Amino acid sequence: MVYFSGATHHLIHVTFDGAGGLHIVSYDSHQGLYGTGETTGVTYRGTVAAQTHTSHGTDALPFTFTYVAAYQIIGQGPCDNVVLHVSNHFTINPDRTITAVAHDFRATCG
């Protein structure tokens, strides 16, 4: 287990459309992340860039949610580097059915 600490920059943009809907976009940037392996003592640096989109109608539905992020973890050795790509999306329709569900989680080493 590695616990990271560092700085976070969070930006939120909110828009109300002409039909009374609400749209929110947020951007997260984590920089200067630093952590040490709990059992190994190996040190890591990291960066994270994430973006979230949510929108909903006047009665809260339909509701859409999309999250995309890239986590870059850089270790001391040649094989300790990892890039994680995460994306999630779903839509809740006015009849409360959930559609358009998509999840993707990929990790690359090197």
Protein backbone atom coordinates (compact mmCIF):
# COMPACT_ATOMS: atom_id res chain seq x y z
CA MET A 1 0.00 0.00 0.00
CA VAL A 2 1.25 3.45 -0.91
CA TYR A 3 -0.35 6.58 0.52
CA PHE A 4 0.26 9.75 -1.47
CA SER A 5 0.27 13.37 -0.39
CA GLY A 6 0.58 16.50 -2.52
CA ALA A 7 -1.30 19.45 -3.98
CA THR A 8 -4.68 19.42 -5.72
CA HIS A 9 -6.15 21.98 -8.08
CA HIS A 10 -9.93 21.71 -8.54
CA LEU A 11 -11.90 23.78 -11.07
CA ILE A 12 -15.71 23.60 -11.38
CA HIS A 13 -17.81 25.13 -14.15
CA VAL A 14 -21.62 25.22 -13.72
CA THR A 15 -24.07 26.11 -16.50
CA PHE A 16 -27.86 26.34 -16.45
CA ASP A 17 -29.41 25.87 -19.89
CA GLY A 18 -32.53 27.52 -21.31
CA ALA A 19 -34.66 24.45 -20.53
CA GLY A 20 -33.77 24.54 -16.83
CA GLY A 21 -31.16 21.79 -16.99
CA LEU A 22 -27.92 21.84 -15.04
CA HIS A 23 -24.48 20.99 -16.45
CA ILE A 24 -21.39 20.66 -14.29
CA VAL A 25 -17.84 20.10 -15.51
CA SER A 26 -15.00 19.67 -13.06
CA TYR A 27 -11.29 19.38 -13.67
CA ASP A 28 -8.88 17.94 -11.12
CA SER A 29 -5.12 18.13 -11.30
CA HIS A 30 -2.98 16.53 -8.59
CA GLN A 31 0.66 17.54 -8.71
CA GLY A 32 3.73 17.01 -6.60
CA LEU A 33 2.37 13.72 -5.30
CA TYR A 34 4.81 11.75 -3.22
CA GLY A 35 4.41 8.46 -1.41
CA THR A 36 6.36 5.65 0.22
CA GLY A 37 5.51 1.95 0.08
CA GLU A 38 4.18 0.84 3.45
CA THR A 39 6.10 -2.44 3.52
CA THR A 40 8.81 -1.89 0.87
CA GLY A 41 9.94 1.65 1.65
CA VAL A 42 10.10 2.35 -2.11
CA THR A 43 9.32 5.98 -2.93
CA TYR A 44 6.95 7.03 -5.70
CA ARG A 45 6.00 10.25 -7.43
CA GLY A 46 2.70 10.74 -9.14
CA THR A 47 0.38 12.94 -11.15
CA VAL A 48 -3.36 12.72 -11.73
CA ALA A 49 -5.51 14.48 -14.31
CA ALA A 50 -9.27 13.93 -14.09
CA GLN A 51 -12.39 15.37 -15.68
CA THR A 52 -16.02 14.84 -14.64
CA HIS A 53 -19.17 15.81 -16.57
CA THR A 54 -22.65 15.65 -15.05
CA SER A 55 -25.90 16.98 -16.41
CA HIS A 56 -29.56 16.62 -15.58
CA GLY A 57 -32.94 17.96 -16.54
CA THR A 58 -35.24 20.22 -14.55
CA ASP A 59 -36.61 17.32 -12.47
CA ALA A 60 -33.15 15.81 -11.87
CA LEU A 61 -33.73 13.27 -14.68
CA PRO A 62 -32.43 12.41 -17.14
CA PHE A 63 -29.06 12.37 -15.41
CA THR A 64 -25.72 11.63 -17.08
CA PHE A 65 -22.35 11.12 -15.46
CA THR A 66 -18.95 10.75 -17.14
CA TYR A 67 -15.57 10.46 -15.39
CA VAL A 68 -12.21 10.15 -17.16
CA ALA A 69 -8.86 10.10 -15.38
CA ALA A 70 -5.20 9.25 -15.90
CA TYR A 71 -3.03 8.34 -12.93
CA GLN A 72 0.72 8.24 -13.47
CA ILE A 73 2.80 6.55 -10.76
CA ILE A 74 6.58 6.74 -11.12
CA GLY A 75 8.79 4.50 -8.99
CA GLN A 76 12.53 4.32 -8.38
CA GLY A 77 13.24 1.24 -10.49
CA PRO A 78 12.86 0.52 -14.19
CA CYS A 79 9.69 -1.58 -13.69
CA ASP A 80 7.98 0.45 -10.99
CA ASN A 81 6.12 2.85 -13.31
CA VAL A 82 2.36 2.48 -13.85
CA VAL A 83 -0.19 4.50 -15.81
CA LEU A 84 -3.84 3.88 -14.94
CA HIS A 85 -6.61 5.01 -17.28
CA VAL A 86 -10.11 5.04 -15.78
CA SER A 87 -13.39 6.00 -17.41
CA ASN A 88 -16.99 5.57 -16.27
CA HIS A 89 -20.24 6.67 -17.86
CA PHE A 90 -23.91 6.07 -17.16
CA THR A 91 -27.29 7.63 -17.91
CA ILE A 92 -30.46 7.48 -15.81
CA ASN A 93 -33.57 8.12 -17.91
CA PRO A 94 -36.74 9.90 -16.70
CA ASP A 95 -38.39 6.48 -16.17
CA ARG A 96 -35.46 5.66 -13.81
CA THR A 97 -33.95 3.01 -16.08
CA ILE A 98 -30.18 3.01 -16.26
CA THR A 99 -28.70 2.92 -19.75
CA ALA A 100 -25.49 3.70 -21.55
CA VAL A 101 -23.34 2.12 -18.86
CA ALA A 102 -19.65 1.96 -19.75
CA HIS A 103 -16.63 1.26 -17.57
CA ASP A 104 -13.01 1.02 -18.62
CA PHE A 105 -9.98 0.43 -16.43
CA ARG A 106 -6.57 -0.08 -18.01
CA ALA A 107 -3.13 -0.24 -16.50
CA THR A 108 0.14 -0.09 -18.41
CA CYS A 109 3.55 -0.69 -16.89
CA GLY A 110 6.88 0.63 -17.98
